[in-house]
Amino acid sequence: MALVVSEVLCYLQNNFGKFPRALLVTTVSGFYDEKEVSEGKNLLFSTVKKMDITTDDVPRYKKRQGEQQNRGDVEDIIGLLE
């Protein structure tokens, strides 16, 4: 098993449920750049996909673009954590 490190996912996992969603989205999207957030999102979604979960509760992967890409990606990550 390979060890994969994502500072974005680590931060969100450790602070999820401790702070309001809006505060987490603002903090993470303001601190981390688009590349780090996008890599974390891809890693999380690919890991969940490998788990072969058969419920409809798993949100689909959305490719974000534009000015609000970073914020949208953070919201997608938090949505999957929920």
C-alpha atoms as a PDB file:
ATOM      1  CA  MET A   1       0.000   0.000   0.000  1.00  0.00           C
ATOM      2  CA  ALA A   2       1.413   3.370  -1.003  1.00  0.00           C
ATOM      3  CA  LEU A   3       1.363   6.334   1.343  1.00  0.00           C
ATOM      4  CA  VAL A   4      -0.100   9.426  -0.263  1.00  0.00           C
ATOM      5  CA  VAL A   5       0.120  12.799   1.446  1.00  0.00           C
ATOM      6  CA  SER A   6      -2.332  15.603   0.818  1.00  0.00           C
ATOM      7  CA  GLU A   7      -2.083  18.564   3.149  1.00  0.00           C
ATOM      8  CA  VAL A   8      -5.476  19.849   1.960  1.00  0.00           C
ATOM      9  CA  LEU A   9      -7.234  16.583   2.807  1.00  0.00           C
ATOM     10  CA  CYS A  10      -5.405  16.312   6.125  1.00  0.00           C
ATOM     11  CA  TYR A  11      -6.487  19.810   7.126  1.00  0.00           C
ATOM     12  CA  LEU A  12     -10.087  19.216   6.111  1.00  0.00           C
ATOM     13  CA  GLN A  13     -10.288  15.840   7.817  1.00  0.00           C
ATOM     14  CA  ASN A  14      -8.895  17.220  11.072  1.00  0.00           C
ATOM     15  CA  ASN A  15     -11.177  20.267  11.090  1.00  0.00           C
ATOM     16  CA  PHE A  16     -14.347  18.766   9.609  1.00  0.00           C
ATOM     17  CA  GLY A  17     -17.157  19.081  12.119  1.00  0.00           C
ATOM     18  CA  LYS A  18     -15.231  21.479  14.352  1.00  0.00           C
ATOM     19  CA  PHE A  19     -15.914  24.602  12.312  1.00  0.00           C
ATOM     20  CA  PRO A  20     -18.819  25.762  10.146  1.00  0.00           C
ATOM     21  CA  ARG A  21     -18.720  24.626   6.510  1.00  0.00           C
ATOM     22  CA  ALA A  22     -18.514  28.193   5.163  1.00  0.00           C
ATOM     23  CA  LEU A  23     -15.479  28.944   7.322  1.00  0.00           C
ATOM     24  CA  LEU A  24     -13.674  25.797   6.151  1.00  0.00           C
ATOM     25  CA  VAL A  25     -14.395  26.603   2.496  1.00  0.00           C
ATOM     26  CA  THR A  26     -13.148  30.170   2.865  1.00  0.00           C
ATOM     27  CA  THR A  27     -10.035  29.174   4.814  1.00  0.00           C
ATOM     28  CA  VAL A  28      -8.936  26.334   2.545  1.00  0.00           C
ATOM     29  CA  SER A  29      -9.725  28.080  -0.741  1.00  0.00           C
ATOM     30  CA  GLY A  30      -7.880  31.189   0.443  1.00  0.00           C
ATOM     31  CA  PHE A  31      -4.784  29.414   1.759  1.00  0.00           C
ATOM     32  CA  TYR A  32      -4.150  26.580  -0.709  1.00  0.00           C
ATOM     33  CA  ASP A  33      -3.622  27.147  -4.415  1.00  0.00           C
ATOM     34  CA  GLU A  34      -5.818  25.617  -7.119  1.00  0.00           C
ATOM     35  CA  LYS A  35      -3.327  22.853  -7.915  1.00  0.00           C
ATOM     36  CA  GLU A  36      -3.152  21.568  -4.327  1.00  0.00           C
ATOM     37  CA  VAL A  37      -6.939  21.599  -3.910  1.00  0.00           C
ATOM     38  CA  SER A  38      -7.505  19.950  -7.288  1.00  0.00           C
ATOM     39  CA  GLU A  39      -4.976  17.200  -6.516  1.00  0.00           C
ATOM     40  CA  GLY A  40      -6.626  16.566  -3.143  1.00  0.00           C
ATOM     41  CA  LYS A  41     -10.044  16.385  -4.756  1.00  0.00           C
ATOM     42  CA  ASN A  42      -8.835  13.966  -7.438  1.00  0.00           C
ATOM     43  CA  LEU A  43      -7.163  11.784  -4.804  1.00  0.00           C
ATOM     44  CA  LEU A  44     -10.257  11.629  -2.606  1.00  0.00           C
ATOM     45  CA  PHE A  45     -12.670  10.910  -5.450  1.00  0.00           C
ATOM     46  CA  SER A  46     -10.403   8.226  -6.942  1.00  0.00           C
ATOM     47  CA  THR A  47     -10.051   6.554  -3.538  1.00  0.00           C
ATOM     48  CA  VAL A  48     -13.819   6.525  -3.015  1.00  0.00           C
ATOM     49  CA  LYS A  49     -14.299   5.161  -6.528  1.00  0.00           C
ATOM     50  CA  LYS A  50     -11.938   2.255  -5.740  1.00  0.00           C
ATOM     51  CA  MET A  51     -14.090   1.411  -2.725  1.00  0.00           C
ATOM     52  CA  ASP A  52     -16.898   0.431  -5.121  1.00  0.00           C
ATOM     53  CA  ILE A  53     -19.691   1.970  -3.051  1.00  0.00           C
ATOM     54  CA  THR A  54     -23.058   1.127  -4.587  1.00  0.00           C
ATOM     55  CA  THR A  55     -25.229   3.801  -2.955  1.00  0.00           C
ATOM     56  CA  ASP A  56     -26.482   6.942  -4.618  1.00  0.00           C
ATOM     57  CA  ASP A  57     -25.178   9.037  -1.710  1.00  0.00           C
ATOM     58  CA  VAL A  58     -21.763   9.545  -3.305  1.00  0.00           C
ATOM     59  CA  PRO A  59     -21.720  12.807  -5.260  1.00  0.00           C
ATOM     60  CA  ARG A  60     -20.409  12.698  -8.800  1.00  0.00           C
ATOM     61  CA  TYR A  61     -17.074  14.219  -9.768  1.00  0.00           C
ATOM     62  CA  LYS A  62     -17.446  17.688 -11.305  1.00  0.00           C
ATOM     63  CA  LYS A  63     -14.676  19.364 -13.270  1.00  0.00           C
ATOM     64  CA  ARG A  64     -14.652  22.979 -12.087  1.00  0.00           C
ATOM     65  CA  GLN A  65     -13.428  25.908 -14.168  1.00  0.00           C
ATOM     66  CA  GLY A  66     -13.338  29.665 -13.890  1.00  0.00           C
ATOM     67  CA  GLU A  67     -12.758  32.154 -11.116  1.00  0.00           C
ATOM     68  CA  GLN A  68     -14.485  30.127  -8.413  1.00  0.00           C
ATOM     69  CA  GLN A  69     -12.771  26.813  -9.298  1.00  0.00           C
ATOM     70  CA  ASN A  70     -10.830  26.597  -6.043  1.00  0.00           C
ATOM     71  CA  ARG A  71     -13.869  27.347  -3.887  1.00  0.00           C
ATOM     72  CA  GLY A  72     -16.026  24.900  -5.848  1.00  0.00           C
ATOM     73  CA  ASP A  73     -13.447  22.125  -5.505  1.00  0.00           C
ATOM     74  CA  VAL A  74     -13.272  22.662  -1.732  1.00  0.00           C
ATOM     75  CA  GLU A  75     -17.066  22.487  -1.541  1.00  0.00           C
ATOM     76  CA  ASP A  76     -16.990  19.230  -3.533  1.00  0.00           C
ATOM     77  CA  ILE A  77     -14.441  17.720  -1.118  1.00  0.00           C
ATOM     78  CA  ILE A  78     -16.508  18.726   1.907  1.00  0.00           C
ATOM     79  CA  GLY A  79     -19.642  17.371   0.231  1.00  0.00           C
ATOM     80  CA  LEU A  80     -17.960  14.003  -0.183  1.00  0.00           C
ATOM     81  CA  LEU A  81     -16.760  14.051   3.429  1.00  0.00           C
ATOM     82  CA  GLU A  82     -20.329  14.691   4.561  1.00  0.00           C
END
